[in-house]
Amino acid sequence: MSSSTFSLDEILEPVQDDLVRMRQVLDGALAAQGAVGERTSHVARFRGKELRAALVLLCGQASGSQSEELPQVAAVLELIHLATLVHDDVLDGADVRRGLASVHAEWDEQTAILMGDMLYSRA
């Protein structure tokens, strides 16, 4: 029995173009001006490997879907994930998220709750 290992880059190669489109949709959803823009820019830095979005895109491709909406669906999933991270940090009292101050630590709990809610609404 032989085993093969693949790097994450190799696994994601078939959906790279859709990941780029997903990031464009996500960036558009996070765009804002003034105080809200400052906070969404902060939250945008919490983005990780985008595995959830990649799984949506890979499953779509595996099922033979040619839908132009898959990157939008993947972006929605990432927005929901970001919202849960912001709310989770409030519930856990976590002051740091991915090496950065959490929203409630940087501003306050009310701001964090509203920011998480806004992310849900943009999803």
PDB file of N, CA and C in Angstrom:
ATOM      1  N   MET A   1       0.846  -1.165   0.000  1.00  0.00           N
ATOM      2  CA  MET A   1       0.000   0.000   0.000  1.00  0.00           C
ATOM      3  C   MET A   1       0.895   1.232   0.000  1.00  0.00           C
ATOM      4  N   SER A   2       0.660   2.102  -0.907  1.00  0.00           N
ATOM      5  CA  SER A   2       1.467   3.312  -0.978  1.00  0.00           C
ATOM      6  C   SER A   2       0.631   4.492  -0.511  1.00  0.00           C
ATOM      7  N   SER A   3       1.310   5.427   0.110  1.00  0.00           N
ATOM      8  CA  SER A   3       0.587   6.615   0.554  1.00  0.00           C
ATOM      9  C   SER A   3       1.180   7.837  -0.124  1.00  0.00           C
ATOM     10  N   SER A   4       0.331   8.755  -0.429  1.00  0.00           N
ATOM     11  CA  SER A   4       0.761   9.998  -1.050  1.00  0.00           C
ATOM     12  C   SER A   4       0.391  11.152  -0.138  1.00  0.00           C
ATOM     13  N   THR A   5       1.240  12.123  -0.109  1.00  0.00           N
ATOM     14  CA  THR A   5       0.916  13.334   0.628  1.00  0.00           C
ATOM     15  C   THR A   5       0.918  14.508  -0.337  1.00  0.00           C
ATOM     16  N   PHE A   6       0.039  15.432  -0.076  1.00  0.00           N
ATOM     17  CA  PHE A   6      -0.086  16.607  -0.921  1.00  0.00           C
ATOM     18  C   PHE A   6       0.012  17.846  -0.047  1.00  0.00           C
ATOM     19  N   SER A   7       0.609  18.871  -0.583  1.00  0.00           N
ATOM     20  CA  SER A   7       0.650  20.141   0.138  1.00  0.00           C
ATOM     21  C   SER A   7      -0.697  20.840  -0.030  1.00  0.00           C
ATOM     22  N   LEU A   8      -0.979  21.776   0.856  1.00  0.00           N
ATOM     23  CA  LEU A   8      -2.220  22.529   0.752  1.00  0.00           C
ATOM     24  C   LEU A   8      -2.289  23.275  -0.575  1.00  0.00           C
ATOM     25  N   ASP A   9      -1.168  23.815  -1.019  1.00  0.00           N
ATOM     26  CA  ASP A   9      -1.142  24.520  -2.309  1.00  0.00           C
ATOM     27  C   ASP A   9      -1.541  23.601  -3.460  1.00  0.00           C
ATOM     28  N   GLU A  10      -1.082  22.346  -3.412  1.00  0.00           N
ATOM     29  CA  GLU A  10      -1.441  21.387  -4.466  1.00  0.00           C
ATOM     30  C   GLU A  10      -2.936  21.071  -4.438  1.00  0.00           C
ATOM     31  N   ILE A  11      -3.481  20.943  -3.239  1.00  0.00           N
ATOM     32  CA  ILE A  11      -4.902  20.627  -3.099  1.00  0.00           C
ATOM     33  C   ILE A  11      -5.763  21.783  -3.603  1.00  0.00           C
ATOM     34  N   LEU A  12      -5.313  23.003  -3.332  1.00  0.00           N
ATOM     35  CA  LEU A  12      -6.103  24.182  -3.696  1.00  0.00           C
ATOM     36  C   LEU A  12      -5.879  24.668  -5.123  1.00  0.00           C
ATOM     37  N   GLU A  13      -4.895  24.116  -5.799  1.00  0.00           N
ATOM     38  CA  GLU A  13      -4.568  24.556  -7.159  1.00  0.00           C
ATOM     39  C   GLU A  13      -5.780  24.602  -8.093  1.00  0.00           C
ATOM     40  N   PRO A  14      -6.654  23.583  -8.089  1.00  0.00           N
ATOM     41  CA  PRO A  14      -7.783  23.605  -9.035  1.00  0.00           C
ATOM     42  C   PRO A  14      -8.781  24.750  -8.803  1.00  0.00           C
ATOM     43  N   VAL A  15      -8.756  25.354  -7.606  1.00  0.00           N
ATOM     44  CA  VAL A  15      -9.743  26.404  -7.309  1.00  0.00           C
ATOM     45  C   VAL A  15      -9.092  27.768  -7.056  1.00  0.00           C
ATOM     46  N   GLN A  16      -7.846  27.938  -7.454  1.00  0.00           N
ATOM     47  CA  GLN A  16      -7.143  29.202  -7.200  1.00  0.00           C
ATOM     48  C   GLN A  16      -7.873  30.404  -7.793  1.00  0.00           C
ATOM     49  N   ASP A  17      -8.344  30.297  -9.013  1.00  0.00           N
ATOM     50  CA  ASP A  17      -9.047  31.425  -9.634  1.00  0.00           C
ATOM     51  C   ASP A  17     -10.310  31.790  -8.854  1.00  0.00           C
ATOM     52  N   ASP A  18     -11.044  30.768  -8.411  1.00  0.00           N
ATOM     53  CA  ASP A  18     -12.252  31.029  -7.624  1.00  0.00           C
ATOM     54  C   ASP A  18     -11.911  31.599  -6.249  1.00  0.00           C
ATOM     55  N   LEU A  19     -10.789  31.190  -5.660  1.00  0.00           N
ATOM     56  CA  LEU A  19     -10.362  31.773  -4.385  1.00  0.00           C
ATOM     57  C   LEU A  19     -10.046  33.259  -4.547  1.00  0.00           C
ATOM     58  N   VAL A  20      -9.443  33.616  -5.657  1.00  0.00           N
ATOM     59  CA  VAL A  20      -9.172  35.035  -5.927  1.00  0.00           C
ATOM     60  C   VAL A  20     -10.491  35.795  -6.018  1.00  0.00           C
ATOM     61  N   ARG A  21     -11.463  35.239  -6.733  1.00  0.00           N
ATOM     62  CA  ARG A  21     -12.775  35.887  -6.855  1.00  0.00           C
ATOM     63  C   ARG A  21     -13.471  35.967  -5.492  1.00  0.00           C
ATOM     64  N   MET A  22     -13.352  34.903  -4.696  1.00  0.00           N
ATOM     65  CA  MET A  22     -13.947  34.903  -3.359  1.00  0.00           C
ATOM     66  C   MET A  22     -13.343  36.029  -2.521  1.00  0.00           C
ATOM     67  N   ARG A  23     -12.024  36.204  -2.587  1.00  0.00           N
ATOM     68  CA  ARG A  23     -11.360  37.268  -1.816  1.00  0.00           C
ATOM     69  C   ARG A  23     -11.831  38.648  -2.269  1.00  0.00           C
ATOM     70  N   GLN A  24     -12.082  38.807  -3.553  1.00  0.00           N
ATOM     71  CA  GLN A  24     -12.592  40.089  -4.056  1.00  0.00           C
ATOM     72  C   GLN A  24     -13.989  40.370  -3.499  1.00  0.00           C
ATOM     73  N   VAL A  25     -14.833  39.341  -3.477  1.00  0.00           N
ATOM     74  CA  VAL A  25     -16.176  39.490  -2.912  1.00  0.00           C
ATOM     75  C   VAL A  25     -16.075  39.817  -1.429  1.00  0.00           C
ATOM     76  N   LEU A  26     -15.216  39.105  -0.718  1.00  0.00           N
ATOM     77  CA  LEU A  26     -15.039  39.317   0.716  1.00  0.00           C
ATOM     78  C   LEU A  26     -14.508  40.719   0.997  1.00  0.00           C
ATOM     79  N   ASP A  27     -13.531  41.157   0.231  1.00  0.00           N
ATOM     80  CA  ASP A  27     -12.997  42.515   0.401  1.00  0.00           C
ATOM     81  C   ASP A  27     -14.091  43.557   0.186  1.00  0.00           C
ATOM     82  N   GLY A  28     -14.941  43.330  -0.801  1.00  0.00           N
ATOM     83  CA  GLY A  28     -16.050  44.252  -1.046  1.00  0.00           C
ATOM     84  C   GLY A  28     -17.029  44.285   0.114  1.00  0.00           C
ATOM     85  N   ALA A  29     -17.296  43.125   0.694  1.00  0.00           N
ATOM     86  CA  ALA A  29     -18.221  43.054   1.826  1.00  0.00           C
ATOM     87  C   ALA A  29     -17.641  43.717   3.070  1.00  0.00           C
ATOM     88  N   LEU A  30     -16.321  43.723   3.188  1.00  0.00           N
ATOM     89  CA  LEU A  30     -15.669  44.318   4.355  1.00  0.00           C
ATOM     90  C   LEU A  30     -15.363  45.803   4.170  1.00  0.00           C
ATOM     91  N   ALA A  31     -15.562  46.310   2.964  1.00  0.00           N
ATOM     92  CA  ALA A  31     -15.242  47.714   2.695  1.00  0.00           C
ATOM     93  C   ALA A  31     -16.210  48.628   3.443  1.00  0.00           C
ATOM     94  N   ALA A  32     -15.656  49.635   4.100  1.00  0.00           N
ATOM     95  CA  ALA A  32     -16.463  50.621   4.819  1.00  0.00           C
ATOM     96  C   ALA A  32     -15.613  51.859   5.057  1.00  0.00           C
ATOM     97  N   GLN A  33     -16.269  52.931   5.417  1.00  0.00           N
ATOM     98  CA  GLN A  33     -15.602  54.208   5.673  1.00  0.00           C
ATOM     99  C   GLN A  33     -15.622  54.527   7.170  1.00  0.00           C
ATOM    100  N   GLY A  34     -14.794  55.474   7.564  1.00  0.00           N
ATOM    101  CA  GLY A  34     -14.820  56.013   8.921  1.00  0.00           C
ATOM    102  C   GLY A  34     -14.505  54.990   9.991  1.00  0.00           C
ATOM    103  N   ALA A  35     -15.184  55.130  11.130  1.00  0.00           N
ATOM    104  CA  ALA A  35     -14.926  54.257  12.279  1.00  0.00           C
ATOM    105  C   ALA A  35     -15.243  52.802  11.957  1.00  0.00           C
ATOM    106  N   VAL A  36     -16.312  52.573  11.195  1.00  0.00           N
ATOM    107  CA  VAL A  36     -16.656  51.195  10.813  1.00  0.00           C
ATOM    108  C   VAL A  36     -15.555  50.618   9.936  1.00  0.00           C
ATOM    109  N   GLY A  37     -15.051  51.410   9.005  1.00  0.00           N
ATOM    110  CA  GLY A  37     -13.968  50.955   8.135  1.00  0.00           C
ATOM    111  C   GLY A  37     -12.717  50.595   8.909  1.00  0.00           C
ATOM    112  N   GLU A  38     -12.415  51.374   9.935  1.00  0.00           N
ATOM    113  CA  GLU A  38     -11.249  51.080  10.784  1.00  0.00           C
ATOM    114  C   GLU A  38     -11.413  49.719  11.459  1.00  0.00           C
ATOM    115  N   ARG A  39     -12.606  49.450  11.921  1.00  0.00           N
ATOM    116  CA  ARG A  39     -12.859  48.185  12.619  1.00  0.00           C
ATOM    117  C   ARG A  39     -12.931  47.004  11.649  1.00  0.00           C
ATOM    118  N   THR A  40     -13.541  47.193  10.493  1.00  0.00           N
ATOM    119  CA  THR A  40     -13.577  46.083   9.533  1.00  0.00           C
ATOM    120  C   THR A  40     -12.180  45.790   8.990  1.00  0.00           C
ATOM    121  N   SER A  41     -11.355  46.809   8.849  1.00  0.00           N
ATOM    122  CA  SER A  41      -9.958  46.574   8.429  1.00  0.00           C
ATOM    123  C   SER A  41      -9.230  45.745   9.473  1.00  0.00           C
ATOM    124  N   HIS A  42      -9.515  46.025  10.734  1.00  0.00           N
ATOM    125  CA  HIS A  42      -8.901  45.258  11.823  1.00  0.00           C
ATOM    126  C   HIS A  42      -9.364  43.799  11.762  1.00  0.00           C
ATOM    127  N   VAL A  43     -10.670  43.600  11.620  1.00  0.00           N
ATOM    128  CA  VAL A  43     -11.230  42.244  11.562  1.00  0.00           C
ATOM    129  C   VAL A  43     -10.716  41.491  10.337  1.00  0.00           C
ATOM    130  N   ALA A  44     -10.536  42.179   9.230  1.00  0.00           N
ATOM    131  CA  ALA A  44     -10.054  41.532   8.003  1.00  0.00           C
ATOM    132  C   ALA A  44      -8.698  40.880   8.220  1.00  0.00           C
ATOM    133  N   ARG A  45      -7.929  41.389   9.162  1.00  0.00           N
ATOM    134  CA  ARG A  45      -6.615  40.800   9.433  1.00  0.00           C
ATOM    135  C   ARG A  45      -6.715  39.494  10.215  1.00  0.00           C
ATOM    136  N   PHE A  46      -7.920  39.129  10.673  1.00  0.00           N
ATOM    137  CA  PHE A  46      -8.120  37.852  11.355  1.00  0.00           C
ATOM    138  C   PHE A  46      -8.247  36.695  10.367  1.00  0.00           C
ATOM    139  N   ARG A  47      -8.344  37.017   9.086  1.00  0.00           N
ATOM    140  CA  ARG A  47      -8.537  35.969   8.085  1.00  0.00           C
ATOM    141  C   ARG A  47      -7.386  34.974   8.141  1.00  0.00           C
ATOM    142  N   GLY A  48      -7.756  33.720   7.976  1.00  0.00           N
ATOM    143  CA  GLY A  48      -6.761  32.656   8.044  1.00  0.00           C
ATOM    144  C   GLY A  48      -6.532  32.006   6.694  1.00  0.00           C
ATOM    145  N   LYS A  49      -6.531  30.694   6.705  1.00  0.00           N
ATOM    146  CA  LYS A  49      -6.227  29.926   5.492  1.00  0.00           C
ATOM    147  C   LYS A  49      -7.422  29.816   4.544  1.00  0.00           C
ATOM    148  N   GLU A  50      -8.573  30.250   4.992  1.00  0.00           N
ATOM    149  CA  GLU A  50      -9.789  30.225   4.170  1.00  0.00           C
ATOM    150  C   GLU A  50     -10.151  28.806   3.741  1.00  0.00           C
ATOM    151  N   LEU A  51      -9.958  27.863   4.658  1.00  0.00           N
ATOM    152  CA  LEU A  51     -10.240  26.459   4.342  1.00  0.00           C
ATOM    153  C   LEU A  51     -11.724  26.208   4.106  1.00  0.00           C
ATOM    154  N   ARG A  52     -12.577  26.878   4.856  1.00  0.00           N
ATOM    155  CA  ARG A  52     -14.015  26.679   4.665  1.00  0.00           C
ATOM    156  C   ARG A  52     -14.425  27.092   3.254  1.00  0.00           C
ATOM    157  N   ALA A  53     -13.935  28.248   2.842  1.00  0.00           N
ATOM    158  CA  ALA A  53     -14.235  28.719   1.484  1.00  0.00           C
ATOM    159  C   ALA A  53     -13.672  27.761   0.444  1.00  0.00           C
ATOM    160  N   ALA A  54     -12.459  27.301   0.677  1.00  0.00           N
ATOM    161  CA  ALA A  54     -11.829  26.375  -0.266  1.00  0.00           C
ATOM    162  C   ALA A  54     -12.628  25.077  -0.370  1.00  0.00           C
ATOM    163  N   LEU A  55     -13.155  24.599   0.754  1.00  0.00           N
ATOM    164  CA  LEU A  55     -13.954  23.370   0.721  1.00  0.00           C
ATOM    165  C   LEU A  55     -15.239  23.565  -0.080  1.00  0.00           C
ATOM    166  N   VAL A  56     -15.872  24.721   0.056  1.00  0.00           N
ATOM    167  CA  VAL A  56     -17.058  25.017  -0.760  1.00  0.00           C
ATOM    168  C   VAL A  56     -16.699  24.935  -2.236  1.00  0.00           C
ATOM    169  N   LEU A  57     -15.594  25.569  -2.592  1.00  0.00           N
ATOM    170  CA  LEU A  57     -15.180  25.606  -3.999  1.00  0.00           C
ATOM    171  C   LEU A  57     -14.768  24.229  -4.505  1.00  0.00           C
ATOM    172  N   LEU A  58     -14.034  23.475  -3.690  1.00  0.00           N
ATOM    173  CA  LEU A  58     -13.618  22.127  -4.094  1.00  0.00           C
ATOM    174  C   LEU A  58     -14.822  21.197  -4.234  1.00  0.00           C
ATOM    175  N   CYS A  59     -15.780  21.297  -3.307  1.00  0.00           N
ATOM    176  CA  CYS A  59     -16.989  20.466  -3.403  1.00  0.00           C
ATOM    177  C   CYS A  59     -17.804  20.836  -4.637  1.00  0.00           C
ATOM    178  N   GLY A  60     -17.882  22.124  -4.917  1.00  0.00           N
ATOM    179  CA  GLY A  60     -18.584  22.560  -6.122  1.00  0.00           C
ATOM    180  C   GLY A  60     -17.941  21.988  -7.364  1.00  0.00           C
ATOM    181  N   GLN A  61     -16.623  22.044  -7.401  1.00  0.00           N
ATOM    182  CA  GLN A  61     -15.909  21.503  -8.561  1.00  0.00           C
ATOM    183  C   GLN A  61     -16.072  19.983  -8.646  1.00  0.00           C
ATOM    184  N   ALA A  62     -15.984  19.303  -7.501  1.00  0.00           N
ATOM    185  CA  ALA A  62     -16.108  17.843  -7.495  1.00  0.00           C
ATOM    186  C   ALA A  62     -17.497  17.395  -7.942  1.00  0.00           C
ATOM    187  N   SER A  63     -18.503  18.232  -7.676  1.00  0.00           N
ATOM    188  CA  SER A  63     -19.868  17.872  -8.072  1.00  0.00           C
ATOM    189  C   SER A  63     -20.183  18.283  -9.507  1.00  0.00           C
ATOM    190  N   GLY A  64     -19.204  18.894 -10.166  1.00  0.00           N
ATOM    191  CA  GLY A  64     -19.398  19.291 -11.553  1.00  0.00           C
ATOM    192  C   GLY A  64     -20.082  20.636 -11.717  1.00  0.00           C
ATOM    193  N   SER A  65     -20.224  21.371 -10.614  1.00  0.00           N
ATOM    194  CA  SER A  65     -20.884  22.674 -10.694  1.00  0.00           C
ATOM    195  C   SER A  65     -20.029  23.666 -11.466  1.00  0.00           C
ATOM    196  N   GLN A  66     -20.667  24.418 -12.314  1.00  0.00           N
ATOM    197  CA  GLN A  66     -20.001  25.472 -13.076  1.00  0.00           C
ATOM    198  C   GLN A  66     -20.540  26.831 -12.634  1.00  0.00           C
ATOM    199  N   SER A  67     -21.160  26.869 -11.466  1.00  0.00           N
ATOM    200  CA  SER A  67     -21.834  28.076 -11.004  1.00  0.00           C
ATOM    201  C   SER A  67     -20.860  29.218 -10.759  1.00  0.00           C
ATOM    202  N   GLU A  68     -21.209  30.363 -11.280  1.00  0.00           N
ATOM    203  CA  GLU A  68     -20.429  31.581 -11.044  1.00  0.00           C
ATOM    204  C   GLU A  68     -20.665  32.101  -9.628  1.00  0.00           C
ATOM    205  N   GLU A  69     -21.659  31.545  -8.940  1.00  0.00           N
ATOM    206  CA  GLU A  69     -22.000  32.010  -7.603  1.00  0.00           C
ATOM    207  C   GLU A  69     -21.188  31.339  -6.503  1.00  0.00           C
ATOM    208  N   LEU A  70     -20.443  30.299  -6.821  1.00  0.00           N
ATOM    209  CA  LEU A  70     -19.680  29.598  -5.783  1.00  0.00           C
ATOM    210  C   LEU A  70     -18.715  30.509  -5.023  1.00  0.00           C
ATOM    211  N   PRO A  71     -17.973  31.400  -5.679  1.00  0.00           N
ATOM    212  CA  PRO A  71     -17.107  32.300  -4.904  1.00  0.00           C
ATOM    213  C   PRO A  71     -17.899  33.198  -3.945  1.00  0.00           C
ATOM    214  N   GLN A  72     -19.122  33.575  -4.338  1.00  0.00           N
ATOM    215  CA  GLN A  72     -19.963  34.371  -3.441  1.00  0.00           C
ATOM    216  C   GLN A  72     -20.404  33.542  -2.242  1.00  0.00           C
ATOM    217  N   VAL A  73     -20.773  32.299  -2.483  1.00  0.00           N
ATOM    218  CA  VAL A  73     -21.165  31.406  -1.394  1.00  0.00           C
ATOM    219  C   VAL A  73     -19.984  31.206  -0.445  1.00  0.00           C
ATOM    220  N   ALA A  74     -18.800  31.021  -0.998  1.00  0.00           N
ATOM    221  CA  ALA A  74     -17.595  30.844  -0.184  1.00  0.00           C
ATOM    222  C   ALA A  74     -17.310  32.096   0.644  1.00  0.00           C
ATOM    223  N   ALA A  75     -17.519  33.279   0.066  1.00  0.00           N
ATOM    224  CA  ALA A  75     -17.304  34.535   0.797  1.00  0.00           C
ATOM    225  C   ALA A  75     -18.308  34.677   1.937  1.00  0.00           C
ATOM    226  N   VAL A  76     -19.545  34.267   1.704  1.00  0.00           N
ATOM    227  CA  VAL A  76     -20.559  34.297   2.758  1.00  0.00           C
ATOM    228  C   VAL A  76     -20.111  33.431   3.930  1.00  0.00           C
ATOM    229  N   LEU A  77     -19.614  32.254   3.632  1.00  0.00           N
ATOM    230  CA  LEU A  77     -19.142  31.362   4.685  1.00  0.00           C
ATOM    231  C   LEU A  77     -17.997  31.997   5.471  1.00  0.00           C
ATOM    232  N   GLU A  78     -17.082  32.663   4.787  1.00  0.00           N
ATOM    233  CA  GLU A  78     -15.971  33.338   5.470  1.00  0.00           C
ATOM    234  C   GLU A  78     -16.466  34.495   6.335  1.00  0.00           C
ATOM    235  N   LEU A  79     -17.457  35.248   5.859  1.00  0.00           N
ATOM    236  CA  LEU A  79     -18.025  36.331   6.665  1.00  0.00           C
ATOM    237  C   LEU A  79     -18.675  35.790   7.933  1.00  0.00           C
ATOM    238  N   ILE A  80     -19.415  34.701   7.799  1.00  0.00           N
ATOM    239  CA  ILE A  80     -20.040  34.079   8.969  1.00  0.00           C
ATOM    240  C   ILE A  80     -18.965  33.608   9.938  1.00  0.00           C
ATOM    241  N   HIS A  81     -17.907  33.024   9.413  1.00  0.00           N
ATOM    242  CA  HIS A  81     -16.814  32.564  10.272  1.00  0.00           C
ATOM    243  C   HIS A  81     -16.166  33.741  11.011  1.00  0.00           C
ATOM    244  N   LEU A  82     -15.902  34.838  10.304  1.00  0.00           N
ATOM    245  CA  LEU A  82     -15.325  36.019  10.959  1.00  0.00           C
ATOM    246  C   LEU A  82     -16.251  36.544  12.056  1.00  0.00           C
ATOM    247  N   ALA A  83     -17.549  36.568  11.779  1.00  0.00           N
ATOM    248  CA  ALA A  83     -18.513  37.033  12.780  1.00  0.00           C
ATOM    249  C   ALA A  83     -18.471  36.155  14.023  1.00  0.00           C
ATOM    250  N   THR A  84     -18.399  34.842  13.825  1.00  0.00           N
ATOM    251  CA  THR A  84     -18.353  33.947  14.987  1.00  0.00           C
ATOM    252  C   THR A  84     -17.065  34.136  15.776  1.00  0.00           C
ATOM    253  N   LEU A  85     -15.961  34.438  15.101  1.00  0.00           N
ATOM    254  CA  LEU A  85     -14.703  34.689  15.811  1.00  0.00           C
ATOM    255  C   LEU A  85     -14.806  35.928  16.693  1.00  0.00           C
ATOM    256  N   VAL A  86     -15.387  36.995  16.144  1.00  0.00           N
ATOM    257  CA  VAL A  86     -15.533  38.241  16.909  1.00  0.00           C
ATOM    258  C   VAL A  86     -16.428  38.009  18.122  1.00  0.00           C
ATOM    259  N   HIS A  87     -17.562  37.348  17.937  1.00  0.00           N
ATOM    260  CA  HIS A  87     -18.466  37.062  19.051  1.00  0.00           C
ATOM    261  C   HIS A  87     -17.831  36.094  20.043  1.00  0.00           C
ATOM    262  N   ASP A  88     -17.132  35.089  19.548  1.00  0.00           N
ATOM    263  CA  ASP A  88     -16.485  34.108  20.419  1.00  0.00           C
ATOM    264  C   ASP A  88     -15.457  34.768  21.335  1.00  0.00           C
ATOM    265  N   ASP A  89     -14.709  35.724  20.805  1.00  0.00           N
ATOM    266  CA  ASP A  89     -13.720  36.419  21.633  1.00  0.00           C
ATOM    267  C   ASP A  89     -14.383  37.173  22.781  1.00  0.00           C
ATOM    268  N   VAL A  90     -15.574  37.713  22.547  1.00  0.00           N
ATOM    269  CA  VAL A  90     -16.311  38.386  23.620  1.00  0.00           C
ATOM    270  C   VAL A  90     -16.713  37.364  24.677  1.00  0.00           C
ATOM    271  N   LEU A  91     -17.297  36.254  24.237  1.00  0.00           N
ATOM    272  CA  LEU A  91     -17.761  35.229  25.179  1.00  0.00           C
ATOM    273  C   LEU A  91     -16.621  34.626  25.984  1.00  0.00           C
ATOM    274  N   ASP A  92     -15.487  34.396  25.324  1.00  0.00           N
ATOM    275  CA  ASP A  92     -14.330  33.791  25.984  1.00  0.00           C
ATOM    276  C   ASP A  92     -13.477  34.799  26.741  1.00  0.00           C
ATOM    277  N   GLY A  93     -13.692  36.077  26.486  1.00  0.00           N
ATOM    278  CA  GLY A  93     -12.842  37.101  27.085  1.00  0.00           C
ATOM    279  C   GLY A  93     -11.438  37.093  26.504  1.00  0.00           C
ATOM    280  N   ALA A  94     -11.302  36.589  25.281  1.00  0.00           N
ATOM    281  CA  ALA A  94      -9.983  36.507  24.637  1.00  0.00           C
ATOM    282  C   ALA A  94      -9.550  37.895  24.182  1.00  0.00           C
ATOM    283  N   ASP A  95      -8.366  38.285  24.571  1.00  0.00           N
ATOM    284  CA  ASP A  95      -7.850  39.605  24.211  1.00  0.00           C
ATOM    285  C   ASP A  95      -7.041  39.596  22.927  1.00  0.00           C
ATOM    286  N   VAL A  96      -6.685  38.405  22.443  1.00  0.00           N
ATOM    287  CA  VAL A  96      -5.839  38.303  21.253  1.00  0.00           C
ATOM    288  C   VAL A  96      -6.457  37.310  20.276  1.00  0.00           C
ATOM    289  N   ARG A  97      -6.433  37.669  18.999  1.00  0.00           N
ATOM    290  CA  ARG A  97      -6.897  36.791  17.921  1.00  0.00           C
ATOM    291  C   ARG A  97      -5.838  36.851  16.828  1.00  0.00           C
ATOM    292  N   ARG A  98      -5.220  35.707  16.571  1.00  0.00           N
ATOM    293  CA  ARG A  98      -4.173  35.608  15.541  1.00  0.00           C
ATOM    294  C   ARG A  98      -3.093  36.682  15.686  1.00  0.00           C
ATOM    295  N   GLY A  99      -2.667  36.879  16.917  1.00  0.00           N
ATOM    296  CA  GLY A  99      -1.577  37.812  17.191  1.00  0.00           C
ATOM    297  C   GLY A  99      -1.976  39.274  17.232  1.00  0.00           C
ATOM    298  N   LEU A 100      -3.253  39.571  17.076  1.00  0.00           N
ATOM    299  CA  LEU A 100      -3.755  40.951  17.109  1.00  0.00           C
ATOM    300  C   LEU A 100      -4.749  41.101  18.255  1.00  0.00           C
ATOM    301  N   ALA A 101      -4.920  42.328  18.707  1.00  0.00           N
ATOM    302  CA  ALA A 101      -5.930  42.575  19.734  1.00  0.00           C
ATOM    303  C   ALA A 101      -7.304  42.210  19.181  1.00  0.00           C
ATOM    304  N   SER A 102      -8.085  41.499  19.986  1.00  0.00           N
ATOM    305  CA  SER A 102      -9.456  41.197  19.568  1.00  0.00           C
ATOM    306  C   SER A 102     -10.234  42.509  19.511  1.00  0.00           C
ATOM    307  N   VAL A 103     -11.381  42.479  18.852  1.00  0.00           N
ATOM    308  CA  VAL A 103     -12.167  43.705  18.686  1.00  0.00           C
ATOM    309  C   VAL A 103     -12.574  44.267  20.044  1.00  0.00           C
ATOM    310  N   HIS A 104     -13.037  43.409  20.948  1.00  0.00           N
ATOM    311  CA  HIS A 104     -13.480  43.925  22.249  1.00  0.00           C
ATOM    312  C   HIS A 104     -12.307  44.432  23.080  1.00  0.00           C
ATOM    313  N   ALA A 105     -11.106  43.887  22.876  1.00  0.00           N
ATOM    314  CA  ALA A 105      -9.929  44.383  23.599  1.00  0.00           C
ATOM    315  C   ALA A 105      -9.453  45.714  23.014  1.00  0.00           C
ATOM    316  N   GLU A 106      -9.559  45.859  21.698  1.00  0.00           N
ATOM    317  CA  GLU A 106      -9.118  47.090  21.024  1.00  0.00           C
ATOM    318  C   GLU A 106     -10.104  48.239  21.267  1.00  0.00           C
ATOM    319  N   TRP A 107     -11.417  47.922  21.263  1.00  0.00           N
ATOM    320  CA  TRP A 107     -12.432  48.946  21.463  1.00  0.00           C
ATOM    321  C   TRP A 107     -13.225  48.609  22.720  1.00  0.00           C
ATOM    322  N   ASP A 108     -14.323  47.891  22.591  1.00  0.00           N
ATOM    323  CA  ASP A 108     -15.102  47.464  23.757  1.00  0.00           C
ATOM    324  C   ASP A 108     -16.057  46.348  23.333  1.00  0.00           C
ATOM    325  N   GLU A 109     -16.735  45.759  24.325  1.00  0.00           N
ATOM    326  CA  GLU A 109     -17.623  44.626  24.034  1.00  0.00           C
ATOM    327  C   GLU A 109     -18.788  45.016  23.131  1.00  0.00           C
ATOM    328  N   GLN A 110     -19.372  46.186  23.362  1.00  0.00           N
ATOM    329  CA  GLN A 110     -20.498  46.609  22.522  1.00  0.00           C
ATOM    330  C   GLN A 110     -20.073  46.729  21.065  1.00  0.00           C
ATOM    331  N   THR A 111     -18.899  47.301  20.844  1.00  0.00           N
ATOM    332  CA  THR A 111     -18.396  47.433  19.477  1.00  0.00           C
ATOM    333  C   THR A 111     -18.191  46.059  18.857  1.00  0.00           C
ATOM    334  N   ALA A 112     -17.636  45.134  19.638  1.00  0.00           N
ATOM    335  CA  ALA A 112     -17.384  43.787  19.122  1.00  0.00           C
ATOM    336  C   ALA A 112     -18.690  43.083  18.759  1.00  0.00           C
ATOM    337  N   ILE A 113     -19.679  43.201  19.614  1.00  0.00           N
ATOM    338  CA  ILE A 113     -20.963  42.552  19.334  1.00  0.00           C
ATOM    339  C   ILE A 113     -21.596  43.152  18.081  1.00  0.00           C
ATOM    340  N   LEU A 114     -21.571  44.476  17.978  1.00  0.00           N
ATOM    341  CA  LEU A 114     -22.124  45.126  16.785  1.00  0.00           C
ATOM    342  C   LEU A 114     -21.326  44.771  15.535  1.00  0.00           C
ATOM    343  N   MET A 115     -20.009  44.671  15.665  1.00  0.00           N
ATOM    344  CA  MET A 115     -19.170  44.304  14.517  1.00  0.00           C
ATOM    345  C   MET A 115     -19.507  42.885  14.056  1.00  0.00           C
ATOM    346  N   GLY A 116     -19.624  41.961  14.994  1.00  0.00           N
ATOM    347  CA  GLY A 116     -20.010  40.598  14.632  1.00  0.00           C
ATOM    348  C   GLY A 116     -21.375  40.560  13.967  1.00  0.00           C
ATOM    349  N   ASP A 117     -22.322  41.321  14.522  1.00  0.00           N
ATOM    350  CA  ASP A 117     -23.664  41.389  13.930  1.00  0.00           C
ATOM    351  C   ASP A 117     -23.617  41.976  12.522  1.00  0.00           C
ATOM    352  N   MET A 118     -22.788  43.009  12.333  1.00  0.00           N
ATOM    353  CA  MET A 118     -22.666  43.620  11.010  1.00  0.00           C
ATOM    354  C   MET A 118     -22.113  42.609   9.999  1.00  0.00           C
ATOM    355  N   LEU A 119     -21.129  41.818  10.442  1.00  0.00           N
ATOM    356  CA  LEU A 119     -20.561  40.804   9.549  1.00  0.00           C
ATOM    357  C   LEU A 119     -21.624  39.781   9.158  1.00  0.00           C
ATOM    358  N   TYR A 120     -22.455  39.371  10.132  1.00  0.00           N
ATOM    359  CA  TYR A 120     -23.564  38.465   9.809  1.00  0.00           C
ATOM    360  C   TYR A 120     -24.495  39.103   8.784  1.00  0.00           C
ATOM    361  N   SER A 121     -24.808  40.377   8.983  1.00  0.00           N
ATOM    362  CA  SER A 121     -25.754  41.029   8.072  1.00  0.00           C
ATOM    363  C   SER A 121     -25.176  41.179   6.667  1.00  0.00           C
ATOM    364  N   ARG A 122     -23.875  41.357   6.570  1.00  0.00           N
ATOM    365  CA  ARG A 122     -23.252  41.468   5.249  1.00  0.00           C
ATOM    366  C   ARG A 122     -23.135  40.113   4.559  1.00  0.00           C
ATOM    367  N   ALA A 123     -23.178  39.053   5.365  1.00  0.00           N
ATOM    368  CA  ALA A 123     -23.143  37.708   4.780  1.00  0.00           C
ATOM    369  C   ALA A 123     -24.448  37.467   4.043  1.00  0.00           C
TER     370      ALA A 123
END
